[in-house]
Amino acid sequence: MFRCQVTGKLSRLGDKMNKIVVEKREKEYKNPETGEVVGRGWEIVKEISATDEGVKIWNQRHPEQL
């Protein structure tokens, strides 16, 4: 059991926990020996736990993050 951080409700026993990425930042990956940039990507800064109902509510409120 866990508390949904979107609805604030306690989940039912056996409910699946979903993670929603709330904030991310761009990341450069460098070769430690040469210092050369070998890739770019994203890294998660903050994520929240949500029930299936919480995910539906989050997606309705934040359609730009889909």
C-alpha atoms as a PDB file:
ATOM      1  CA  MET A   1       0.000   0.000   0.000  1.00  0.00           C
ATOM      2  CA  PHE A   2       1.111   3.544  -0.692  1.00  0.00           C
ATOM      3  CA  ARG A   3      -0.285   7.060  -0.729  1.00  0.00           C
ATOM      4  CA  CYS A   4      -1.061   8.488  -4.180  1.00  0.00           C
ATOM      5  CA  GLN A   5       0.702  11.849  -4.438  1.00  0.00           C
ATOM      6  CA  VAL A   6      -1.877  13.139  -6.944  1.00  0.00           C
ATOM      7  CA  THR A   7      -5.146  12.267  -5.162  1.00  0.00           C
ATOM      8  CA  GLY A   8      -3.768  12.009  -1.622  1.00  0.00           C
ATOM      9  CA  LYS A   9      -5.660   8.732  -1.118  1.00  0.00           C
ATOM     10  CA  LEU A  10      -4.241   5.496   0.254  1.00  0.00           C
ATOM     11  CA  SER A  11      -4.065   2.759  -2.382  1.00  0.00           C
ATOM     12  CA  ARG A  12      -5.765  -0.597  -2.024  1.00  0.00           C
ATOM     13  CA  LEU A  13      -3.730  -3.674  -1.200  1.00  0.00           C
ATOM     14  CA  GLY A  14      -2.205  -5.025  -4.423  1.00  0.00           C
ATOM     15  CA  ASP A  15      -2.628  -1.811  -6.469  1.00  0.00           C
ATOM     16  CA  LYS A  16       0.192  -1.099  -8.906  1.00  0.00           C
ATOM     17  CA  MET A  17       2.379   1.923  -8.152  1.00  0.00           C
ATOM     18  CA  ASN A  18       2.966   4.198 -11.159  1.00  0.00           C
ATOM     19  CA  LYS A  19       5.823   6.692 -11.276  1.00  0.00           C
ATOM     20  CA  ILE A  20       5.192  10.049 -12.971  1.00  0.00           C
ATOM     21  CA  VAL A  21       8.192  12.148 -14.019  1.00  0.00           C
ATOM     22  CA  VAL A  22       7.548  15.686 -12.796  1.00  0.00           C
ATOM     23  CA  GLU A  23      10.904  17.276 -13.598  1.00  0.00           C
ATOM     24  CA  LYS A  24      13.840  16.314 -15.803  1.00  0.00           C
ATOM     25  CA  ARG A  25      17.026  17.981 -17.038  1.00  0.00           C
ATOM     26  CA  GLU A  26      19.328  17.596 -20.014  1.00  0.00           C
ATOM     27  CA  LYS A  27      22.518  15.645 -19.359  1.00  0.00           C
ATOM     28  CA  GLU A  28      25.787  15.432 -21.308  1.00  0.00           C
ATOM     29  CA  TYR A  29      27.792  12.241 -21.004  1.00  0.00           C
ATOM     30  CA  LYS A  30      31.576  12.586 -21.377  1.00  0.00           C
ATOM     31  CA  ASN A  31      34.401  10.129 -21.744  1.00  0.00           C
ATOM     32  CA  PRO A  32      36.297  10.396 -18.414  1.00  0.00           C
ATOM     33  CA  GLU A  33      39.673   9.851 -20.082  1.00  0.00           C
ATOM     34  CA  THR A  34      39.390  12.334 -22.963  1.00  0.00           C
ATOM     35  CA  GLY A  35      36.649  14.684 -21.761  1.00  0.00           C
ATOM     36  CA  GLU A  36      34.958  14.303 -25.134  1.00  0.00           C
ATOM     37  CA  VAL A  37      31.138  14.413 -25.232  1.00  0.00           C
ATOM     38  CA  VAL A  38      29.927  10.929 -26.192  1.00  0.00           C
ATOM     39  CA  GLY A  39      26.191  11.387 -25.762  1.00  0.00           C
ATOM     40  CA  ARG A  40      23.287  13.500 -24.608  1.00  0.00           C
ATOM     41  CA  GLY A  41      20.128  12.535 -22.845  1.00  0.00           C
ATOM     42  CA  TRP A  42      17.741  13.298 -19.991  1.00  0.00           C
ATOM     43  CA  GLU A  43      17.964  12.575 -16.305  1.00  0.00           C
ATOM     44  CA  ILE A  44      15.039  12.446 -13.885  1.00  0.00           C
ATOM     45  CA  VAL A  45      15.125  15.145 -11.204  1.00  0.00           C
ATOM     46  CA  LYS A  46      11.776  14.480  -9.514  1.00  0.00           C
ATOM     47  CA  GLU A  47       9.086  11.816  -9.794  1.00  0.00           C
ATOM     48  CA  ILE A  48       5.917  11.071  -7.840  1.00  0.00           C
ATOM     49  CA  SER A  49       3.987   7.892  -7.024  1.00  0.00           C
ATOM     50  CA  ALA A  50       0.423   7.534  -8.270  1.00  0.00           C
ATOM     51  CA  THR A  51      -2.403   5.033  -8.575  1.00  0.00           C
ATOM     52  CA  ASP A  52      -4.047   4.357 -11.952  1.00  0.00           C
ATOM     53  CA  GLU A  53      -6.702   6.941 -11.038  1.00  0.00           C
ATOM     54  CA  GLY A  54      -3.978   9.450 -10.147  1.00  0.00           C
ATOM     55  CA  VAL A  55      -2.286   8.929 -13.529  1.00  0.00           C
ATOM     56  CA  LYS A  56      -5.562   9.656 -15.347  1.00  0.00           C
ATOM     57  CA  ILE A  57      -6.056  12.861 -13.349  1.00  0.00           C
ATOM     58  CA  TRP A  58      -2.411  13.919 -13.912  1.00  0.00           C
ATOM     59  CA  ASN A  59      -2.681  13.357 -17.673  1.00  0.00           C
ATOM     60  CA  GLN A  60      -5.861  15.483 -17.837  1.00  0.00           C
ATOM     61  CA  ARG A  61      -4.198  18.349 -15.967  1.00  0.00           C
ATOM     62  CA  HIS A  62      -0.847  18.164 -17.820  1.00  0.00           C
ATOM     63  CA  PRO A  63      -1.522  17.208 -21.470  1.00  0.00           C
ATOM     64  CA  GLU A  64       1.744  18.859 -22.593  1.00  0.00           C
ATOM     65  CA  GLN A  65       3.793  16.163 -20.798  1.00  0.00           C
ATOM     66  CA  LEU A  66       2.238  13.227 -22.669  1.00  0.00           C
END
